[in-house]
Amino acid sequence: MSHLPDVYAIVAIEAANAVDYSQVGETSIDTIRMNIALSEFVLKWEHEHEPTFITDGTIVPLQVLTHEEALALMQTAAWQEPIEEIE
């Protein structure tokens, strides 16, 4: 049986303490990827194992993304500071 793609969710930072980190790819609040404004973060889980805090509505993602969509979002100005060129 093949593994289904991972699921990525963008979540409001206020929900970070409600996450059961044993159910997602991140290990703690210290390892989440936050946007530049520190208002949103990313969670990842295996498609076959949706976290109970998502299933029961404790946390409602702002967006649910594929791997490719998450990578594209991480390249935007909201998620990545521009790198200054050294002359």
C-alpha atoms as a PDB file:
ATOM      1  CA  MET A   1       0.000   0.000   0.000  1.00  0.00           C
ATOM      2  CA  SER A   2       1.413   3.373  -0.979  1.00  0.00           C
ATOM      3  CA  HIS A   3       1.709   6.272   1.395  1.00  0.00           C
ATOM      4  CA  LEU A   4      -0.609   9.182   0.642  1.00  0.00           C
ATOM      5  CA  PRO A   5       0.987  12.643   0.519  1.00  0.00           C
ATOM      6  CA  ASP A   6       1.422  14.587   3.738  1.00  0.00           C
ATOM      7  CA  VAL A   7      -1.075  17.321   4.566  1.00  0.00           C
ATOM      8  CA  TYR A   8       0.050  20.836   5.441  1.00  0.00           C
ATOM      9  CA  ALA A   9      -2.136  23.284   7.332  1.00  0.00           C
ATOM     10  CA  ILE A  10      -1.757  26.984   7.989  1.00  0.00           C
ATOM     11  CA  VAL A  11      -3.046  27.776  11.464  1.00  0.00           C
ATOM     12  CA  ALA A  12      -3.487  30.984  13.476  1.00  0.00           C
ATOM     13  CA  ILE A  13      -0.717  31.397  16.052  1.00  0.00           C
ATOM     14  CA  GLU A  14      -3.296  31.608  18.857  1.00  0.00           C
ATOM     15  CA  ALA A  15      -3.897  27.872  18.396  1.00  0.00           C
ATOM     16  CA  ALA A  16      -0.247  26.851  18.890  1.00  0.00           C
ATOM     17  CA  ASN A  17      -0.730  25.854  22.526  1.00  0.00           C
ATOM     18  CA  ALA A  18      -3.760  23.685  21.663  1.00  0.00           C
ATOM     19  CA  VAL A  19      -1.755  21.429  19.320  1.00  0.00           C
ATOM     20  CA  ASP A  20      -0.994  17.889  20.447  1.00  0.00           C
ATOM     21  CA  TYR A  21       2.487  17.774  18.938  1.00  0.00           C
ATOM     22  CA  SER A  22       2.620  13.983  19.220  1.00  0.00           C
ATOM     23  CA  GLN A  23       0.100  13.871  16.336  1.00  0.00           C
ATOM     24  CA  VAL A  24       1.991  16.055  13.857  1.00  0.00           C
ATOM     25  CA  GLY A  25       5.421  16.343  12.260  1.00  0.00           C
ATOM     26  CA  GLU A  26       6.533  19.162  14.536  1.00  0.00           C
ATOM     27  CA  THR A  27       7.792  18.201  17.980  1.00  0.00           C
ATOM     28  CA  SER A  28       6.857  21.300  20.000  1.00  0.00           C
ATOM     29  CA  ILE A  29       5.881  24.928  19.779  1.00  0.00           C
ATOM     30  CA  ASP A  30       9.615  25.610  19.487  1.00  0.00           C
ATOM     31  CA  THR A  31       9.865  23.756  16.159  1.00  0.00           C
ATOM     32  CA  ILE A  32       6.922  25.251  14.242  1.00  0.00           C
ATOM     33  CA  ARG A  33       7.528  27.359  11.131  1.00  0.00           C
ATOM     34  CA  MET A  34       5.937  30.790  11.616  1.00  0.00           C
ATOM     35  CA  ASN A  35       5.299  33.531   9.107  1.00  0.00           C
ATOM     36  CA  ILE A  36       7.227  36.805   9.290  1.00  0.00           C
ATOM     37  CA  ALA A  37       4.356  38.555  11.103  1.00  0.00           C
ATOM     38  CA  LEU A  38       4.314  35.735  13.709  1.00  0.00           C
ATOM     39  CA  SER A  39       0.560  35.417  13.182  1.00  0.00           C
ATOM     40  CA  GLU A  40       0.396  32.004  11.466  1.00  0.00           C
ATOM     41  CA  PHE A  41       2.277  28.719  11.517  1.00  0.00           C
ATOM     42  CA  VAL A  42       2.487  25.457   9.596  1.00  0.00           C
ATOM     43  CA  LEU A  43       1.517  21.986  10.763  1.00  0.00           C
ATOM     44  CA  LYS A  44       2.166  18.767   8.857  1.00  0.00           C
ATOM     45  CA  TRP A  45       0.687  15.308   9.277  1.00  0.00           C
ATOM     46  CA  GLU A  46       0.364  12.071   7.382  1.00  0.00           C
ATOM     47  CA  HIS A  47      -2.781  12.041   5.254  1.00  0.00           C
ATOM     48  CA  GLU A  48      -3.927   8.773   6.833  1.00  0.00           C
ATOM     49  CA  HIS A  49      -3.588  10.173  10.382  1.00  0.00           C
ATOM     50  CA  GLU A  50      -5.491  13.442  10.678  1.00  0.00           C
ATOM     51  CA  PRO A  51      -4.912  14.857  14.179  1.00  0.00           C
ATOM     52  CA  THR A  52      -7.840  14.599  16.562  1.00  0.00           C
ATOM     53  CA  PHE A  53      -7.646  18.332  17.305  1.00  0.00           C
ATOM     54  CA  ILE A  54      -8.380  18.951  13.600  1.00  0.00           C
ATOM     55  CA  THR A  55     -11.055  16.245  13.320  1.00  0.00           C
ATOM     56  CA  ASP A  56     -12.961  17.476  16.381  1.00  0.00           C
ATOM     57  CA  GLY A  57     -12.733  21.157  15.384  1.00  0.00           C
ATOM     58  CA  THR A  58     -10.571  22.262  18.315  1.00  0.00           C
ATOM     59  CA  ILE A  59      -8.284  23.812  15.701  1.00  0.00           C
ATOM     60  CA  VAL A  60      -9.632  24.914  12.330  1.00  0.00           C
ATOM     61  CA  PRO A  61      -6.911  25.514   9.748  1.00  0.00           C
ATOM     62  CA  LEU A  62      -6.918  28.761   7.801  1.00  0.00           C
ATOM     63  CA  GLN A  63      -5.699  26.782   4.774  1.00  0.00           C
ATOM     64  CA  VAL A  64      -5.000  23.136   3.958  1.00  0.00           C
ATOM     65  CA  LEU A  65      -2.248  22.646   1.395  1.00  0.00           C
ATOM     66  CA  THR A  66      -0.388  20.028  -0.575  1.00  0.00           C
ATOM     67  CA  HIS A  67       3.386  19.770  -0.264  1.00  0.00           C
ATOM     68  CA  GLU A  68       3.849  21.767  -3.467  1.00  0.00           C
ATOM     69  CA  GLU A  69       1.434  24.488  -2.323  1.00  0.00           C
ATOM     70  CA  ALA A  70       3.172  24.720   1.059  1.00  0.00           C
ATOM     71  CA  LEU A  71       6.579  25.057  -0.616  1.00  0.00           C
ATOM     72  CA  ALA A  72       5.254  27.842  -2.847  1.00  0.00           C
ATOM     73  CA  LEU A  73       3.741  29.658   0.139  1.00  0.00           C
ATOM     74  CA  MET A  74       7.033  29.455   2.056  1.00  0.00           C
ATOM     75  CA  GLN A  75       8.695  31.354  -0.816  1.00  0.00           C
ATOM     76  CA  THR A  76       6.392  34.380  -0.455  1.00  0.00           C
ATOM     77  CA  ALA A  77       7.305  37.607   1.322  1.00  0.00           C
ATOM     78  CA  ALA A  78       4.863  36.780   4.120  1.00  0.00           C
ATOM     79  CA  TRP A  79       6.895  33.695   5.042  1.00  0.00           C
ATOM     80  CA  GLN A  80      10.464  34.529   4.064  1.00  0.00           C
ATOM     81  CA  GLU A  81      12.531  37.626   4.567  1.00  0.00           C
ATOM     82  CA  PRO A  82      14.420  38.780   1.492  1.00  0.00           C
ATOM     83  CA  ILE A  83      18.084  37.864   1.423  1.00  0.00           C
ATOM     84  CA  GLU A  84      20.318  40.881   1.017  1.00  0.00           C
ATOM     85  CA  GLU A  85      22.981  40.550  -1.633  1.00  0.00           C
ATOM     86  CA  ILE A  86      26.538  41.117  -0.484  1.00  0.00           C
ATOM     87  CA  GLU A  87      28.499  43.349  -2.783  1.00  0.00           C
END
